[in-house]
Amino acid sequence: MKRLYEEVDGSVSTFVNAFEIGEPLGIEAAEITKAIEYLEEKRLVAIDDHRLGIIRITARGIDYVETRAD
């Protein structure tokens, strides 16, 4: 979540590719898919395109990141 938050600079209107965020961290595509589906269920992200992994952070997701200590 923190990496996504940083990637979009805390903007709820910026869409990004979850695979491009996760792969450099060593996360395999199947795990990225599971993670974004879970985060969508928690309403921390919104998925625009499941197949391509296009997501955006939600206001709830921003609140989640900003209330957690590093």
PDB file of N, CA and C in Angstrom:
ATOM      1  N   MET A   1       0.824  -1.185   0.000  1.00  0.00           N
ATOM      2  CA  MET A   1       0.000   0.000   0.000  1.00  0.00           C
ATOM      3  C   MET A   1       0.873   1.255   0.000  1.00  0.00           C
ATOM      4  N   LYS A   2       1.924   1.216   0.797  1.00  0.00           N
ATOM      5  CA  LYS A   2       2.781   2.397   0.855  1.00  0.00           C
ATOM      6  C   LYS A   2       3.417   2.683  -0.500  1.00  0.00           C
ATOM      7  N   ARG A   3       3.854   1.634  -1.176  1.00  0.00           N
ATOM      8  CA  ARG A   3       4.474   1.814  -2.500  1.00  0.00           C
ATOM      9  C   ARG A   3       3.473   2.400  -3.487  1.00  0.00           C
ATOM     10  N   LEU A   4       2.233   1.916  -3.455  1.00  0.00           N
ATOM     11  CA  LEU A   4       1.181   2.461  -4.321  1.00  0.00           C
ATOM     12  C   LEU A   4       0.930   3.929  -3.984  1.00  0.00           C
ATOM     13  N   TYR A   5       0.813   4.225  -2.710  1.00  0.00           N
ATOM     14  CA  TYR A   5       0.594   5.594  -2.241  1.00  0.00           C
ATOM     15  C   TYR A   5       1.696   6.524  -2.769  1.00  0.00           C
ATOM     16  N   GLU A   6       2.929   6.083  -2.659  1.00  0.00           N
ATOM     17  CA  GLU A   6       4.056   6.881  -3.144  1.00  0.00           C
ATOM     18  C   GLU A   6       4.009   7.045  -4.661  1.00  0.00           C
ATOM     19  N   GLU A   7       3.674   5.968  -5.356  1.00  0.00           N
ATOM     20  CA  GLU A   7       3.630   5.995  -6.825  1.00  0.00           C
ATOM     21  C   GLU A   7       2.627   7.016  -7.343  1.00  0.00           C
ATOM     22  N   VAL A   8       1.479   7.145  -6.680  1.00  0.00           N
ATOM     23  CA  VAL A   8       0.428   8.062  -7.149  1.00  0.00           C
ATOM     24  C   VAL A   8       0.464   9.400  -6.414  1.00  0.00           C
ATOM     25  N   ASP A   9       1.458   9.565  -5.548  1.00  0.00           N
ATOM     26  CA  ASP A   9       1.621  10.802  -4.780  1.00  0.00           C
ATOM     27  C   ASP A   9       0.350  11.151  -4.006  1.00  0.00           C
ATOM     28  N   GLY A  10      -0.304  10.121  -3.437  1.00  0.00           N
ATOM     29  CA  GLY A  10      -1.490  10.326  -2.622  1.00  0.00           C
ATOM     30  C   GLY A  10      -2.722  10.776  -3.378  1.00  0.00           C
ATOM     31  N   SER A  11      -2.769  10.538  -4.673  1.00  0.00           N
ATOM     32  CA  SER A  11      -3.900  10.967  -5.506  1.00  0.00           C
ATOM     33  C   SER A  11      -4.874   9.821  -5.757  1.00  0.00           C
ATOM     34  N   VAL A  12      -6.164  10.060  -5.509  1.00  0.00           N
ATOM     35  CA  VAL A  12      -7.181   9.042  -5.769  1.00  0.00           C
ATOM     36  C   VAL A  12      -7.584   8.986  -7.240  1.00  0.00           C
ATOM     37  N   SER A  13      -7.089   9.899  -8.039  1.00  0.00           N
ATOM     38  CA  SER A  13      -7.489   9.935  -9.448  1.00  0.00           C
ATOM     39  C   SER A  13      -6.410   9.422 -10.400  1.00  0.00           C
ATOM     40  N   THR A  14      -5.290   8.947  -9.866  1.00  0.00           N
ATOM     41  CA  THR A  14      -4.205   8.444 -10.704  1.00  0.00           C
ATOM     42  C   THR A  14      -4.254   6.923 -10.764  1.00  0.00           C
ATOM     43  N   PHE A  15      -4.349   6.387 -11.976  1.00  0.00           N
ATOM     44  CA  PHE A  15      -4.367   4.943 -12.190  1.00  0.00           C
ATOM     45  C   PHE A  15      -2.963   4.468 -12.515  1.00  0.00           C
ATOM     46  N   VAL A  16      -2.606   3.301 -11.992  1.00  0.00           N
ATOM     47  CA  VAL A  16      -1.286   2.722 -12.228  1.00  0.00           C
ATOM     48  C   VAL A  16      -1.427   1.233 -12.509  1.00  0.00           C
ATOM     49  N   ASN A  17      -0.358   0.648 -13.019  1.00  0.00           N
ATOM     50  CA  ASN A  17      -0.321  -0.785 -13.289  1.00  0.00           C
ATOM     51  C   ASN A  17       0.266  -1.491 -12.072  1.00  0.00           C
ATOM     52  N   ALA A  18      -0.542  -2.305 -11.406  1.00  0.00           N
ATOM     53  CA  ALA A  18      -0.099  -3.003 -10.195  1.00  0.00           C
ATOM     54  C   ALA A  18       1.069  -3.942 -10.472  1.00  0.00           C
ATOM     55  N   PHE A  19       1.105  -4.529 -11.663  1.00  0.00           N
ATOM     56  CA  PHE A  19       2.203  -5.436 -11.995  1.00  0.00           C
ATOM     57  C   PHE A  19       3.525  -4.683 -12.082  1.00  0.00           C
ATOM     58  N   GLU A  20       3.497  -3.458 -12.585  1.00  0.00           N
ATOM     59  CA  GLU A  20       4.716  -2.658 -12.676  1.00  0.00           C
ATOM     60  C   GLU A  20       5.207  -2.210 -11.302  1.00  0.00           C
ATOM     61  N   ILE A  21       4.313  -2.131 -10.337  1.00  0.00           N
ATOM     62  CA  ILE A  21       4.703  -1.785  -8.968  1.00  0.00           C
ATOM     63  C   ILE A  21       5.243  -3.016  -8.245  1.00  0.00           C
ATOM     64  N   GLY A  22       4.584  -4.148  -8.411  1.00  0.00           N
ATOM     65  CA  GLY A  22       4.944  -5.359  -7.670  1.00  0.00           C
ATOM     66  C   GLY A  22       6.128  -6.121  -8.186  1.00  0.00           C
ATOM     67  N   GLU A  23       6.300  -6.174  -9.499  1.00  0.00           N
ATOM     68  CA  GLU A  23       7.371  -6.985 -10.074  1.00  0.00           C
ATOM     69  C   GLU A  23       8.770  -6.560  -9.623  1.00  0.00           C
ATOM     70  N   PRO A  24       9.087  -5.249  -9.565  1.00  0.00           N
ATOM     71  CA  PRO A  24      10.423  -4.874  -9.085  1.00  0.00           C
ATOM     72  C   PRO A  24      10.664  -5.262  -7.622  1.00  0.00           C
ATOM     73  N   LEU A  25       9.588  -5.506  -6.888  1.00  0.00           N
ATOM     74  CA  LEU A  25       9.698  -5.918  -5.492  1.00  0.00           C
ATOM     75  C   LEU A  25       9.820  -7.430  -5.362  1.00  0.00           C
ATOM     76  N   GLY A  26       9.841  -8.122  -6.511  1.00  0.00           N
ATOM     77  CA  GLY A  26       9.990  -9.571  -6.510  1.00  0.00           C
ATOM     78  C   GLY A  26       8.695 -10.325  -6.293  1.00  0.00           C
ATOM     79  N   ILE A  27       7.563  -9.664  -6.502  1.00  0.00           N
ATOM     80  CA  ILE A  27       6.266 -10.304  -6.315  1.00  0.00           C
ATOM     81  C   ILE A  27       5.792 -10.843  -7.663  1.00  0.00           C
ATOM     82  N   GLU A  28       5.438 -12.128  -7.680  1.00  0.00           N
ATOM     83  CA  GLU A  28       4.993 -12.755  -8.925  1.00  0.00           C
ATOM     84  C   GLU A  28       3.592 -12.280  -9.303  1.00  0.00           C
ATOM     85  N   ALA A  29       3.275 -12.356 -10.592  1.00  0.00           N
ATOM     86  CA  ALA A  29       2.004 -11.863 -11.123  1.00  0.00           C
ATOM     87  C   ALA A  29       0.788 -12.460 -10.417  1.00  0.00           C
ATOM     88  N   ALA A  30       0.817 -13.764 -10.145  1.00  0.00           N
ATOM     89  CA  ALA A  30      -0.324 -14.410  -9.482  1.00  0.00           C
ATOM     90  C   ALA A  30      -0.543 -13.840  -8.087  1.00  0.00           C
ATOM     91  N   GLU A  31       0.534 -13.553  -7.381  1.00  0.00           N
ATOM     92  CA  GLU A  31       0.429 -12.976  -6.040  1.00  0.00           C
ATOM     93  C   GLU A  31      -0.064 -11.538  -6.106  1.00  0.00           C
ATOM     94  N   ILE A  32       0.361 -10.798  -7.109  1.00  0.00           N
ATOM     95  CA  ILE A  32      -0.111  -9.427  -7.290  1.00  0.00           C
ATOM     96  C   ILE A  32      -1.611  -9.433  -7.530  1.00  0.00           C
ATOM     97  N   THR A  33      -2.075 -10.349  -8.367  1.00  0.00           N
ATOM     98  CA  THR A  33      -3.503 -10.458  -8.643  1.00  0.00           C
ATOM     99  C   THR A  33      -4.282 -10.739  -7.362  1.00  0.00           C
ATOM    100  N   LYS A  34      -3.811 -11.692  -6.577  1.00  0.00           N
ATOM    101  CA  LYS A  34      -4.475 -12.005  -5.300  1.00  0.00           C
ATOM    102  C   LYS A  34      -4.484 -10.798  -4.376  1.00  0.00           C
ATOM    103  N   ALA A  35      -3.372 -10.102  -4.320  1.00  0.00           N
ATOM    104  CA  ALA A  35      -3.250  -8.952  -3.418  1.00  0.00           C
ATOM    105  C   ALA A  35      -4.205  -7.831  -3.800  1.00  0.00           C
ATOM    106  N   ILE A  36      -4.276  -7.500  -5.092  1.00  0.00           N
ATOM    107  CA  ILE A  36      -5.155  -6.390  -5.471  1.00  0.00           C
ATOM    108  C   ILE A  36      -6.627  -6.771  -5.308  1.00  0.00           C
ATOM    109  N   GLU A  37      -6.953  -8.037  -5.507  1.00  0.00           N
ATOM    110  CA  GLU A  37      -8.337  -8.471  -5.278  1.00  0.00           C
ATOM    111  C   GLU A  37      -8.689  -8.362  -3.795  1.00  0.00           C
ATOM    112  N   TYR A  38      -7.758  -8.735  -2.932  1.00  0.00           N
ATOM    113  CA  TYR A  38      -7.968  -8.611  -1.489  1.00  0.00           C
ATOM    114  C   TYR A  38      -8.126  -7.141  -1.100  1.00  0.00           C
ATOM    115  N   LEU A  39      -7.223  -6.296  -1.602  1.00  0.00           N
ATOM    116  CA  LEU A  39      -7.279  -4.875  -1.276  1.00  0.00           C
ATOM    117  C   LEU A  39      -8.548  -4.227  -1.808  1.00  0.00           C
ATOM    118  N   GLU A  40      -9.046  -4.720  -2.937  1.00  0.00           N
ATOM    119  CA  GLU A  40     -10.312  -4.209  -3.452  1.00  0.00           C
ATOM    120  C   GLU A  40     -11.458  -4.592  -2.507  1.00  0.00           C
ATOM    121  N   GLU A  41     -11.456  -5.816  -2.017  1.00  0.00           N
ATOM    122  CA  GLU A  41     -12.484  -6.257  -1.065  1.00  0.00           C
ATOM    123  C   GLU A  41     -12.466  -5.397   0.195  1.00  0.00           C
ATOM    124  N   LYS A  42     -11.276  -4.982   0.622  1.00  0.00           N
ATOM    125  CA  LYS A  42     -11.131  -4.122   1.801  1.00  0.00           C
ATOM    126  C   LYS A  42     -11.421  -2.655   1.474  1.00  0.00           C
ATOM    127  N   ARG A  43     -11.672  -2.364   0.183  1.00  0.00           N
ATOM    128  CA  ARG A  43     -11.953  -1.018  -0.329  1.00  0.00           C
ATOM    129  C   ARG A  43     -10.766  -0.066  -0.170  1.00  0.00           C
ATOM    130  N   LEU A  44      -9.560  -0.631  -0.231  1.00  0.00           N
ATOM    131  CA  LEU A  44      -8.353   0.187  -0.162  1.00  0.00           C
ATOM    132  C   LEU A  44      -7.874   0.589  -1.554  1.00  0.00           C
ATOM    133  N   VAL A  45      -8.248  -0.199  -2.560  1.00  0.00           N
ATOM    134  CA  VAL A  45      -7.964   0.123  -3.959  1.00  0.00           C
ATOM    135  C   VAL A  45      -9.211  -0.122  -4.787  1.00  0.00           C
ATOM    136  N   ALA A  46      -9.239   0.513  -5.946  1.00  0.00           N
ATOM    137  CA  ALA A  46     -10.275   0.245  -6.939  1.00  0.00           C
ATOM    138  C   ALA A  46      -9.571  -0.322  -8.163  1.00  0.00           C
ATOM    139  N   ILE A  47     -10.113  -1.400  -8.702  1.00  0.00           N
ATOM    140  CA  ILE A  47      -9.520  -2.023  -9.882  1.00  0.00           C
ATOM    141  C   ILE A  47     -10.280  -1.564 -11.113  1.00  0.00           C
ATOM    142  N   ASP A  48      -9.557  -0.990 -12.047  1.00  0.00           N
ATOM    143  CA  ASP A  48     -10.157  -0.533 -13.300  1.00  0.00           C
ATOM    144  C   ASP A  48     -10.151  -1.641 -14.339  1.00  0.00           C
ATOM    145  N   ASP A  49      -9.082  -2.434 -14.366  1.00  0.00           N
ATOM    146  CA  ASP A  49      -8.957  -3.518 -15.332  1.00  0.00           C
ATOM    147  C   ASP A  49      -8.275  -4.698 -14.646  1.00  0.00           C
ATOM    148  N   HIS A  50      -9.041  -5.730 -14.344  1.00  0.00           N
ATOM    149  CA  HIS A  50      -8.497  -6.898 -13.636  1.00  0.00           C
ATOM    150  C   HIS A  50      -7.385  -7.582 -14.423  1.00  0.00           C
ATOM    151  N   ARG A  51      -7.597  -7.772 -15.719  1.00  0.00           N
ATOM    152  CA  ARG A  51      -6.629  -8.505 -16.542  1.00  0.00           C
ATOM    153  C   ARG A  51      -5.295  -7.770 -16.638  1.00  0.00           C
ATOM    154  N   LEU A  52      -5.353  -6.457 -16.797  1.00  0.00           N
ATOM    155  CA  LEU A  52      -4.128  -5.674 -16.947  1.00  0.00           C
ATOM    156  C   LEU A  52      -3.579  -5.163 -15.616  1.00  0.00           C
ATOM    157  N   GLY A  53      -4.349  -5.308 -14.542  1.00  0.00           N
ATOM    158  CA  GLY A  53      -3.879  -4.874 -13.229  1.00  0.00           C
ATOM    159  C   GLY A  53      -3.880  -3.374 -13.025  1.00  0.00           C
ATOM    160  N   ILE A  54      -4.795  -2.688 -13.707  1.00  0.00           N
ATOM    161  CA  ILE A  54      -4.866  -1.229 -13.583  1.00  0.00           C
ATOM    162  C   ILE A  54      -5.697  -0.893 -12.338  1.00  0.00           C
ATOM    163  N   ILE A  55      -5.064  -0.174 -11.411  1.00  0.00           N
ATOM    164  CA  ILE A  55      -5.713   0.140 -10.134  1.00  0.00           C
ATOM    165  C   ILE A  55      -5.506   1.605  -9.773  1.00  0.00           C
ATOM    166  N   ARG A  56      -6.260   2.039  -8.755  1.00  0.00           N
ATOM    167  CA  ARG A  56      -6.020   3.337  -8.137  1.00  0.00           C
ATOM    168  C   ARG A  56      -6.259   3.177  -6.647  1.00  0.00           C
ATOM    169  N   ILE A  57      -5.620   3.999  -5.866  1.00  0.00           N
ATOM    170  CA  ILE A  57      -5.834   3.980  -4.429  1.00  0.00           C
ATOM    171  C   ILE A  57      -7.125   4.729  -4.123  1.00  0.00           C
ATOM    172  N   THR A  58      -7.835   4.301  -3.111  1.00  0.00           N
ATOM    173  CA  THR A  58      -9.063   4.979  -2.702  1.00  0.00           C
ATOM    174  C   THR A  58      -8.764   5.921  -1.532  1.00  0.00           C
ATOM    175  N   ALA A  59      -9.741   6.742  -1.180  1.00  0.00           N
ATOM    176  CA  ALA A  59      -9.577   7.623  -0.019  1.00  0.00           C
ATOM    177  C   ALA A  59      -9.339   6.789   1.233  1.00  0.00           C
ATOM    178  N   ARG A  60     -10.032   5.666   1.328  1.00  0.00           N
ATOM    179  CA  ARG A  60      -9.827   4.759   2.465  1.00  0.00           C
ATOM    180  C   ARG A  60      -8.393   4.213   2.470  1.00  0.00           C
ATOM    181  N   GLY A  61      -7.865   3.924   1.279  1.00  0.00           N
ATOM    182  CA  GLY A  61      -6.492   3.453   1.164  1.00  0.00           C
ATOM    183  C   GLY A  61      -5.486   4.511   1.587  1.00  0.00           C
ATOM    184  N   ILE A  62      -5.742   5.751   1.234  1.00  0.00           N
ATOM    185  CA  ILE A  62      -4.871   6.851   1.645  1.00  0.00           C
ATOM    186  C   ILE A  62      -4.894   6.982   3.160  1.00  0.00           C
ATOM    187  N   ASP A  63      -6.089   6.954   3.745  1.00  0.00           N
ATOM    188  CA  ASP A  63      -6.204   7.029   5.196  1.00  0.00           C
ATOM    189  C   ASP A  63      -5.451   5.891   5.865  1.00  0.00           C
ATOM    190  N   TYR A  64      -5.546   4.701   5.297  1.00  0.00           N
ATOM    191  CA  TYR A  64      -4.856   3.528   5.830  1.00  0.00           C
ATOM    192  C   TYR A  64      -3.349   3.774   5.871  1.00  0.00           C
ATOM    193  N   VAL A  65      -2.788   4.245   4.775  1.00  0.00           N
ATOM    194  CA  VAL A  65      -1.340   4.473   4.705  1.00  0.00           C
ATOM    195  C   VAL A  65      -0.924   5.592   5.644  1.00  0.00           C
ATOM    196  N   GLU A  66      -1.678   6.674   5.661  1.00  0.00           N
ATOM    197  CA  GLU A  66      -1.277   7.844   6.440  1.00  0.00           C
ATOM    198  C   GLU A  66      -1.414   7.630   7.948  1.00  0.00           C
ATOM    199  N   THR A  67      -2.198   6.668   8.369  1.00  0.00           N
ATOM    200  CA  THR A  67      -2.345   6.414   9.813  1.00  0.00           C
ATOM    201  C   THR A  67      -1.410   5.329  10.319  1.00  0.00           C
ATOM    202  N   ARG A  68      -0.644   4.703   9.429  1.00  0.00           N
ATOM    203  CA  ARG A  68       0.312   3.670   9.824  1.00  0.00           C
ATOM    204  C   ARG A  68       1.691   4.271   9.982  1.00  0.00           C
ATOM    205  N   ALA A  69       2.390   3.854  11.020  1.00  0.00           N
ATOM    206  CA  ALA A  69       3.776   4.307  11.232  1.00  0.00           C
ATOM    207  C   ALA A  69       4.696   3.492  10.337  1.00  0.00           C
ATOM    208  N   ASP A  70       5.805   4.079   9.952  1.00  0.00           N
ATOM    209  CA  ASP A  70       6.788   3.375   9.116  1.00  0.00           C
ATOM    210  C   ASP A  70       7.453   2.270   9.859  1.00  0.00           C
TER     211      ASP A  70
END
